[in-house]
PDB file of N, CA and C in Angstrom:
ATOM      1  N   MET A   1      -6.682  48.383  69.830  1.00  0.00           N
ATOM      2  CA  MET A   1      -7.270  49.388  68.963  1.00  0.00           C
ATOM      3  C   MET A   1      -6.803  49.120  67.538  1.00  0.00           C
ATOM      4  N   GLN A   2      -7.732  49.101  66.624  1.00  0.00           N
ATOM      5  CA  GLN A   2      -7.445  48.870  65.207  1.00  0.00           C
ATOM      6  C   GLN A   2      -7.169  50.203  64.499  1.00  0.00           C
ATOM      7  N   ILE A   3      -6.195  50.173  63.582  1.00  0.00           N
ATOM      8  CA  ILE A   3      -5.886  51.368  62.794  1.00  0.00           C
ATOM      9  C   ILE A   3      -5.681  51.001  61.328  1.00  0.00           C
ATOM     10  N   SER A   4      -5.794  52.032  60.505  1.00  0.00           N
ATOM     11  CA  SER A   4      -5.472  51.955  59.084  1.00  0.00           C
ATOM     12  C   SER A   4      -4.431  53.023  58.824  1.00  0.00           C
ATOM     13  N   VAL A   5      -3.405  52.684  58.064  1.00  0.00           N
ATOM     14  CA  VAL A   5      -2.330  53.635  57.785  1.00  0.00           C
ATOM     15  C   VAL A   5      -2.091  53.680  56.280  1.00  0.00           C
ATOM     16  N   GLU A   6      -2.043  54.895  55.746  1.00  0.00           N
ATOM     17  CA  GLU A   6      -1.709  55.093  54.341  1.00  0.00           C
ATOM     18  C   GLU A   6      -0.307  55.672  54.275  1.00  0.00           C
ATOM     19  N   LEU A   7       0.552  55.061  53.462  1.00  0.00           N
ATOM     20  CA  LEU A   7       1.954  55.456  53.358  1.00  0.00           C
ATOM     21  C   LEU A   7       2.297  55.795  51.913  1.00  0.00           C
ATOM     22  N   THR A   8       3.027  56.883  51.735  1.00  0.00           N
ATOM     23  CA  THR A   8       3.540  57.237  50.420  1.00  0.00           C
ATOM     24  C   THR A   8       5.003  57.623  50.586  1.00  0.00           C
ATOM     25  N   LEU A   9       5.897  56.818  50.034  1.00  0.00           N
ATOM     26  CA  LEU A   9       7.327  57.097  50.058  1.00  0.00           C
ATOM     27  C   LEU A   9       7.688  57.783  48.746  1.00  0.00           C
ATOM     28  N   THR A  10       8.293  58.958  48.850  1.00  0.00           N
ATOM     29  CA  THR A  10       8.652  59.737  47.665  1.00  0.00           C
ATOM     30  C   THR A  10      10.131  60.119  47.730  1.00  0.00           C
ATOM     31  N   PRO A  11      11.013  59.271  47.220  1.00  0.00           N
ATOM     32  CA  PRO A  11      12.421  59.647  47.163  1.00  0.00           C
ATOM     33  C   PRO A  11      12.605  60.801  46.182  1.00  0.00           C
ATOM     34  N   ILE A  12      13.444  61.755  46.542  1.00  0.00           N
ATOM     35  CA  ILE A  12      13.752  62.889  45.664  1.00  0.00           C
ATOM     36  C   ILE A  12      15.167  62.666  45.139  1.00  0.00           C
ATOM     37  N   GLN A  13      15.250  61.775  44.155  1.00  0.00           N
ATOM     38  CA  GLN A  13      16.537  61.411  43.565  1.00  0.00           C
ATOM     39  C   GLN A  13      16.258  60.674  42.267  1.00  0.00           C
ATOM     40  N   ASP A  14      17.290  60.494  41.468  1.00  0.00           N
ATOM     41  CA  ASP A  14      17.122  59.852  40.165  1.00  0.00           C
ATOM     42  C   ASP A  14      16.730  58.384  40.284  1.00  0.00           C
ATOM     43  N   GLU A  15      17.446  57.624  41.050  1.00  0.00           N
ATOM     44  CA  GLU A  15      17.164  56.187  41.209  1.00  0.00           C
ATOM     45  C   GLU A  15      16.204  56.004  42.380  1.00  0.00           C
ATOM     46  N   TYR A  16      14.915  56.138  42.122  1.00  0.00           N
ATOM     47  CA  TYR A  16      13.939  56.113  43.207  1.00  0.00           C
ATOM     48  C   TYR A  16      13.178  54.787  43.334  1.00  0.00           C
ATOM     49  N   GLU A  17      13.043  54.045  42.240  1.00  0.00           N
ATOM     50  CA  GLU A  17      12.207  52.845  42.269  1.00  0.00           C
ATOM     51  C   GLU A  17      12.693  51.758  43.235  1.00  0.00           C
ATOM     52  N   PRO A  18      13.986  51.445  43.321  1.00  0.00           N
ATOM     53  CA  PRO A  18      14.410  50.370  44.222  1.00  0.00           C
ATOM     54  C   PRO A  18      14.010  50.615  45.680  1.00  0.00           C
ATOM     55  N   ALA A  19      14.105  51.834  46.145  1.00  0.00           N
ATOM     56  CA  ALA A  19      13.749  52.124  47.543  1.00  0.00           C
ATOM     57  C   ALA A  19      12.262  51.887  47.786  1.00  0.00           C
ATOM     58  N   ILE A  20      11.431  52.287  46.847  1.00  0.00           N
ATOM     59  CA  ILE A  20       9.988  52.102  46.985  1.00  0.00           C
ATOM     60  C   ILE A  20       9.643  50.616  46.946  1.00  0.00           C
ATOM     61  N   ILE A  21      10.224  49.904  45.992  1.00  0.00           N
ATOM     62  CA  ILE A  21       9.963  48.470  45.859  1.00  0.00           C
ATOM     63  C   ILE A  21      10.392  47.716  47.111  1.00  0.00           C
ATOM     64  N   ASP A  22      11.574  48.022  47.631  1.00  0.00           N
ATOM     65  CA  ASP A  22      12.054  47.351  48.845  1.00  0.00           C
ATOM     66  C   ASP A  22      11.144  47.630  50.035  1.00  0.00           C
ATOM     67  N   PHE A  23      10.659  48.862  50.161  1.00  0.00           N
ATOM     68  CA  PHE A  23       9.762  49.234  51.253  1.00  0.00           C
ATOM     69  C   PHE A  23       8.458  48.430  51.162  1.00  0.00           C
ATOM     70  N   ILE A  24       7.885  48.354  49.984  1.00  0.00           N
ATOM     71  CA  ILE A  24       6.633  47.610  49.806  1.00  0.00           C
ATOM     72  C   ILE A  24       6.846  46.119  50.051  1.00  0.00           C
ATOM     73  N   LYS A  25       7.938  45.562  49.562  1.00  0.00           N
ATOM     74  CA  LYS A  25       8.217  44.141  49.777  1.00  0.00           C
ATOM     75  C   LYS A  25       8.378  43.828  51.263  1.00  0.00           C
ATOM     76  N   ALA A  26       9.017  44.723  52.008  1.00  0.00           N
ATOM     77  CA  ALA A  26       9.176  44.518  53.449  1.00  0.00           C
ATOM     78  C   ALA A  26       7.812  44.532  54.148  1.00  0.00           C
ATOM     79  N   LEU A  27       6.939  45.434  53.738  1.00  0.00           N
ATOM     80  CA  LEU A  27       5.599  45.476  54.331  1.00  0.00           C
ATOM     81  C   LEU A  27       4.807  44.213  53.979  1.00  0.00           C
ATOM     82  N   ARG A  28       4.966  43.728  52.761  1.00  0.00           N
ATOM     83  CA  ARG A  28       4.282  42.487  52.356  1.00  0.00           C
ATOM     84  C   ARG A  28       4.702  41.305  53.219  1.00  0.00           C
ATOM     85  N   LYS A  29       5.972  41.258  53.610  1.00  0.00           N
ATOM     86  CA  LYS A  29       6.489  40.153  54.418  1.00  0.00           C
ATOM     87  C   LYS A  29       6.028  40.228  55.873  1.00  0.00           C
ATOM     88  N   SER A  30       5.523  41.369  56.297  1.00  0.00           N
ATOM     89  CA  SER A  30       5.086  41.544  57.676  1.00  0.00           C
ATOM     90  C   SER A  30       3.751  40.832  57.893  1.00  0.00           C
ATOM     91  N   PRO A  31       3.336  40.681  59.149  1.00  0.00           N
ATOM     92  CA  PRO A  31       2.039  40.044  59.418  1.00  0.00           C
ATOM     93  C   PRO A  31       0.836  40.974  59.172  1.00  0.00           C
ATOM     94  N   LEU A  32       1.093  42.185  58.725  1.00  0.00           N
ATOM     95  CA  LEU A  32       0.015  43.147  58.521  1.00  0.00           C
ATOM     96  C   LEU A  32      -0.739  42.879  57.229  1.00  0.00           C
ATOM     97  N   GLU A  33      -1.997  43.306  57.195  1.00  0.00           N
ATOM     98  CA  GLU A  33      -2.750  43.284  55.952  1.00  0.00           C
ATOM     99  C   GLU A  33      -2.299  44.486  55.136  1.00  0.00           C
ATOM    100  N   VAL A  34      -1.911  44.265  53.884  1.00  0.00           N
ATOM    101  CA  VAL A  34      -1.352  45.318  53.033  1.00  0.00           C
ATOM    102  C   VAL A  34      -2.170  45.411  51.749  1.00  0.00           C
ATOM    103  N   ILE A  35      -2.543  46.630  51.399  1.00  0.00           N
ATOM    104  CA  ILE A  35      -3.215  46.897  50.128  1.00  0.00           C
ATOM    105  C   ILE A  35      -2.385  47.946  49.396  1.00  0.00           C
ATOM    106  N   GLU A  36      -2.071  47.665  48.140  1.00  0.00           N
ATOM    107  CA  GLU A  36      -1.279  48.599  47.339  1.00  0.00           C
ATOM    108  C   GLU A  36      -2.168  49.259  46.294  1.00  0.00           C
ATOM    109  N   THR A  37      -1.958  50.540  46.109  1.00  0.00           N
ATOM    110  CA  THR A  37      -2.624  51.280  45.051  1.00  0.00           C
ATOM    111  C   THR A  37      -1.536  51.973  44.236  1.00  0.00           C
ATOM    112  N   PRO A  38      -1.871  52.552  43.096  1.00  0.00           N
ATOM    113  CA  PRO A  38      -0.844  53.238  42.307  1.00  0.00           C
ATOM    114  C   PRO A  38      -0.221  54.438  43.037  1.00  0.00           C
ATOM    115  N   LEU A  39      -0.918  54.988  44.023  1.00  0.00           N
ATOM    116  CA  LEU A  39      -0.424  56.200  44.687  1.00  0.00           C
ATOM    117  C   LEU A  39       0.055  55.991  46.113  1.00  0.00           C
ATOM    118  N   SER A  40      -0.298  54.868  46.731  1.00  0.00           N
ATOM    119  CA  SER A  40       0.098  54.665  48.125  1.00  0.00           C
ATOM    120  C   SER A  40       0.003  53.193  48.480  1.00  0.00           C
ATOM    121  N   THR A  41       0.504  52.892  49.671  1.00  0.00           N
ATOM    122  CA  THR A  41       0.380  51.558  50.242  1.00  0.00           C
ATOM    123  C   THR A  41      -0.359  51.718  51.560  1.00  0.00           C
ATOM    124  N   GLN A  42      -1.305  50.842  51.810  1.00  0.00           N
ATOM    125  CA  GLN A  42      -2.098  50.918  53.029  1.00  0.00           C
ATOM    126  C   GLN A  42      -1.869  49.660  53.848  1.00  0.00           C
ATOM    127  N   VAL A  43      -1.756  49.844  55.171  1.00  0.00           N
ATOM    128  CA  VAL A  43      -1.609  48.715  56.090  1.00  0.00           C
ATOM    129  C   VAL A  43      -2.679  48.833  57.164  1.00  0.00           C
ATOM    130  N   PHE A  44      -3.098  47.670  57.676  1.00  0.00           N
ATOM    131  CA  PHE A  44      -4.202  47.621  58.618  1.00  0.00           C
ATOM    132  C   PHE A  44      -3.881  46.640  59.729  1.00  0.00           C
ATOM    133  N   GLY A  45      -4.352  46.941  60.932  1.00  0.00           N
ATOM    134  CA  GLY A  45      -4.171  46.005  62.027  1.00  0.00           C
ATOM    135  C   GLY A  45      -4.198  46.673  63.373  1.00  0.00           C
ATOM    136  N   ASP A  46      -3.758  45.919  64.373  1.00  0.00           N
ATOM    137  CA  ASP A  46      -3.690  46.407  65.740  1.00  0.00           C
ATOM    138  C   ASP A  46      -2.640  47.509  65.849  1.00  0.00           C
ATOM    139  N   TYR A  47      -2.949  48.578  66.558  1.00  0.00           N
ATOM    140  CA  TYR A  47      -2.070  49.740  66.667  1.00  0.00           C
ATOM    141  C   TYR A  47      -0.635  49.349  67.028  1.00  0.00           C
ATOM    142  N   ASP A  48      -0.475  48.584  68.104  1.00  0.00           N
ATOM    143  CA  ASP A  48       0.880  48.246  68.562  1.00  0.00           C
ATOM    144  C   ASP A  48       1.642  47.437  67.522  1.00  0.00           C
ATOM    145  N   GLU A  49       0.973  46.498  66.883  1.00  0.00           N
ATOM    146  CA  GLU A  49       1.638  45.670  65.872  1.00  0.00           C
ATOM    147  C   GLU A  49       2.001  46.500  64.637  1.00  0.00           C
ATOM    148  N   VAL A  50       1.068  47.333  64.172  1.00  0.00           N
ATOM    149  CA  VAL A  50       1.335  48.186  63.008  1.00  0.00           C
ATOM    150  C   VAL A  50       2.500  49.124  63.291  1.00  0.00           C
ATOM    151  N   MET A  51       2.463  49.782  64.425  1.00  0.00           N
ATOM    152  CA  MET A  51       3.503  50.762  64.726  1.00  0.00           C
ATOM    153  C   MET A  51       4.872  50.107  64.922  1.00  0.00           C
ATOM    154  N   GLN A  52       4.887  48.895  65.456  1.00  0.00           N
ATOM    155  CA  GLN A  52       6.158  48.180  65.615  1.00  0.00           C
ATOM    156  C   GLN A  52       6.774  47.889  64.249  1.00  0.00           C
ATOM    157  N   VAL A  53       5.966  47.408  63.317  1.00  0.00           N
ATOM    158  CA  VAL A  53       6.458  47.123  61.964  1.00  0.00           C
ATOM    159  C   VAL A  53       6.881  48.420  61.279  1.00  0.00           C
ATOM    160  N   LEU A  54       6.033  49.448  61.356  1.00  0.00           N
ATOM    161  CA  LEU A  54       6.341  50.703  60.665  1.00  0.00           C
ATOM    162  C   LEU A  54       7.584  51.384  61.219  1.00  0.00           C
ATOM    163  N   GLN A  55       7.763  51.333  62.527  1.00  0.00           N
ATOM    164  CA  GLN A  55       8.948  51.957  63.117  1.00  0.00           C
ATOM    165  C   GLN A  55      10.218  51.390  62.489  1.00  0.00           C
ATOM    166  N   LYS A  56      10.262  50.082  62.336  1.00  0.00           N
ATOM    167  CA  LYS A  56      11.439  49.437  61.750  1.00  0.00           C
ATOM    168  C   LYS A  56      11.543  49.722  60.252  1.00  0.00           C
ATOM    169  N   GLU A  57      10.460  49.476  59.513  1.00  0.00           N
ATOM    170  CA  GLU A  57      10.524  49.551  58.056  1.00  0.00           C
ATOM    171  C   GLU A  57      10.620  50.980  57.523  1.00  0.00           C
ATOM    172  N   MET A  58      10.044  51.940  58.218  1.00  0.00           N
ATOM    173  CA  MET A  58      10.191  53.332  57.787  1.00  0.00           C
ATOM    174  C   MET A  58      11.630  53.797  57.949  1.00  0.00           C
ATOM    175  N   LYS A  59      12.275  53.379  59.027  1.00  0.00           N
ATOM    176  CA  LYS A  59      13.678  53.750  59.232  1.00  0.00           C
ATOM    177  C   LYS A  59      14.563  53.154  58.146  1.00  0.00           C
ATOM    178  N   VAL A  60      14.348  51.878  57.832  1.00  0.00           N
ATOM    179  CA  VAL A  60      15.118  51.220  56.770  1.00  0.00           C
ATOM    180  C   VAL A  60      14.905  51.945  55.442  1.00  0.00           C
ATOM    181  N   ALA A  61      13.654  52.284  55.135  1.00  0.00           N
ATOM    182  CA  ALA A  61      13.335  52.952  53.871  1.00  0.00           C
ATOM    183  C   ALA A  61      13.992  54.332  53.792  1.00  0.00           C
ATOM    184  N   LEU A  62      13.935  55.080  54.866  1.00  0.00           N
ATOM    185  CA  LEU A  62      14.529  56.418  54.850  1.00  0.00           C
ATOM    186  C   LEU A  62      16.055  56.370  54.791  1.00  0.00           C
ATOM    187  N   GLU A  63      16.638  55.362  55.418  1.00  0.00           N
ATOM    188  CA  GLU A  63      18.091  55.202  55.342  1.00  0.00           C
ATOM    189  C   GLU A  63      18.546  54.809  53.936  1.00  0.00           C
ATOM    190  N   ALA A  64      17.656  54.217  53.152  1.00  0.00           N
ATOM    191  CA  ALA A  64      18.002  53.737  51.810  1.00  0.00           C
ATOM    192  C   ALA A  64      17.978  54.843  50.758  1.00  0.00           C
ATOM    193  N   ILE A  65      17.470  56.014  51.115  1.00  0.00           N
ATOM    194  CA  ILE A  65      17.383  57.104  50.147  1.00  0.00           C
ATOM    195  C   ILE A  65      18.243  58.276  50.595  1.00  0.00           C
ATOM    196  N   GLU A  66      18.696  59.034  49.605  1.00  0.00           N
ATOM    197  CA  GLU A  66      19.509  60.214  49.913  1.00  0.00           C
ATOM    198  C   GLU A  66      18.636  61.354  50.441  1.00  0.00           C
ATOM    199  N   ARG A  67      17.529  61.601  49.737  1.00  0.00           N
ATOM    200  CA  ARG A  67      16.566  62.633  50.131  1.00  0.00           C
ATOM    201  C   ARG A  67      15.177  62.118  49.788  1.00  0.00           C
ATOM    202  N   GLY A  68      14.193  62.529  50.557  1.00  0.00           N
ATOM    203  CA  GLY A  68      12.844  62.106  50.210  1.00  0.00           C
ATOM    204  C   GLY A  68      11.829  62.456  51.268  1.00  0.00           C
ATOM    205  N   LEU A  69      10.603  62.115  50.964  1.00  0.00           N
ATOM    206  CA  LEU A  69       9.468  62.365  51.831  1.00  0.00           C
ATOM    207  C   LEU A  69       8.768  61.050  52.122  1.00  0.00           C
ATOM    208  N   LEU A  70       8.216  60.945  53.311  1.00  0.00           N
ATOM    209  CA  LEU A  70       7.393  59.798  53.672  1.00  0.00           C
ATOM    210  C   LEU A  70       6.119  60.342  54.299  1.00  0.00           C
ATOM    211  N   TYR A  71       5.032  60.242  53.552  1.00  0.00           N
ATOM    212  CA  TYR A  71       3.738  60.723  54.028  1.00  0.00           C
ATOM    213  C   TYR A  71       3.037  59.584  54.763  1.00  0.00           C
ATOM    214  N   VAL A  72       2.477  59.898  55.938  1.00  0.00           N
ATOM    215  CA  VAL A  72       1.791  58.897  56.740  1.00  0.00           C
ATOM    216  C   VAL A  72       0.451  59.466  57.198  1.00  0.00           C
ATOM    217  N   LYS A  73      -0.620  58.719  56.931  1.00  0.00           N
ATOM    218  CA  LYS A  73      -1.955  59.073  57.432  1.00  0.00           C
ATOM    219  C   LYS A  73      -2.438  57.912  58.281  1.00  0.00           C
ATOM    220  N   ILE A  74      -2.970  58.219  59.453  1.00  0.00           N
ATOM    221  CA  ILE A  74      -3.459  57.177  60.355  1.00  0.00           C
ATOM    222  C   ILE A  74      -4.931  57.432  60.663  1.00  0.00           C
ATOM    223  N   VAL A  75      -5.736  56.391  60.517  1.00  0.00           N
ATOM    224  CA  VAL A  75      -7.156  56.451  60.838  1.00  0.00           C
ATOM    225  C   VAL A  75      -7.415  55.467  61.976  1.00  0.00           C
ATOM    226  N   LYS A  76      -8.158  55.911  62.960  1.00  0.00           N
ATOM    227  CA  LYS A  76      -8.472  55.034  64.090  1.00  0.00           C
ATOM    228  C   LYS A  76      -9.665  54.140  63.740  1.00  0.00           C
ATOM    229  N   SER A  77      -9.422  53.110  63.024  1.00  0.00           N
ATOM    230  CA  SER A  77     -10.356  52.034  62.691  1.00  0.00           C
ATOM    231  C   SER A  77      -9.724  51.233  61.565  1.00  0.00           C
ATOM    232  N   ASN A  78     -10.126  50.015  61.444  1.00  0.00           N
ATOM    233  CA  ASN A  78      -9.616  49.167  60.364  1.00  0.00           C
ATOM    234  C   ASN A  78     -10.545  49.341  59.172  1.00  0.00           C
ATOM    235  N   ARG A  79     -10.059  49.999  58.139  1.00  0.00           N
ATOM    236  CA  ARG A  79     -10.857  50.307  56.954  1.00  0.00           C
ATOM    237  C   ARG A  79     -10.518  49.381  55.781  1.00  0.00           C
ATOM    238  N   ALA A  80      -9.905  48.241  56.055  1.00  0.00           N
ATOM    239  CA  ALA A  80      -9.464  47.327  54.999  1.00  0.00           C
ATOM    240  C   ALA A  80     -10.621  46.849  54.125  1.00  0.00           C
ATOM    241  N   ASN A  81     -11.795  46.724  54.688  1.00  0.00           N
ATOM    242  CA  ASN A  81     -12.936  46.210  53.937  1.00  0.00           C
ATOM    243  C   ASN A  81     -13.895  47.307  53.506  1.00  0.00           C
ATOM    244  N   TYR A  82     -13.419  48.530  53.453  1.00  0.00           N
ATOM    245  CA  TYR A  82     -14.281  49.661  53.088  1.00  0.00           C
ATOM    246  C   TYR A  82     -14.813  49.494  51.670  1.00  0.00           C
ATOM    247  N   GLU A  83     -16.091  49.729  51.524  1.00  0.00           N
ATOM    248  CA  GLU A  83     -16.731  49.761  50.212  1.00  0.00           C
ATOM    249  C   GLU A  83     -17.621  50.992  50.166  1.00  0.00           C
ATOM    250  N   PRO A  84     -17.528  51.787  49.119  1.00  0.00           N
ATOM    251  CA  PRO A  84     -18.390  52.970  49.015  1.00  0.00           C
ATOM    252  C   PRO A  84     -19.864  52.566  48.972  1.00  0.00           C
ATOM    253  N   HIS A  85     -20.704  53.380  49.573  1.00  0.00           N
ATOM    254  CA  HIS A  85     -22.140  53.102  49.619  1.00  0.00           C
ATOM    255  C   HIS A  85     -22.922  54.097  48.792  1.00  0.00           C
ATOM    256  N   PHE A  86     -22.343  54.495  47.674  1.00  0.00           N
ATOM    257  CA  PHE A  86     -23.044  55.458  46.796  1.00  0.00           C
ATOM    258  C   PHE A  86     -22.796  55.115  45.348  1.00  0.00           C
TER     259      PHE A  86
END
């Protein structure tokens, strides 16, 4: 089953950029397709593969911050090639 996941890591602390950068770099190194936007990072692929990568990298990211939020949206389909039709 293919999925699309949108992730937004929001550390609630003064030094927030390193944690976000490290999280994105770790996702880039994974075998997943990754698209970055100014507001979120999106990953696409097979459910089991995506969740295996996210389980590890989300834990690392959360351990790297003192306080923060991690928003996750999951869509059941691979939307990597989505183009608006209007």
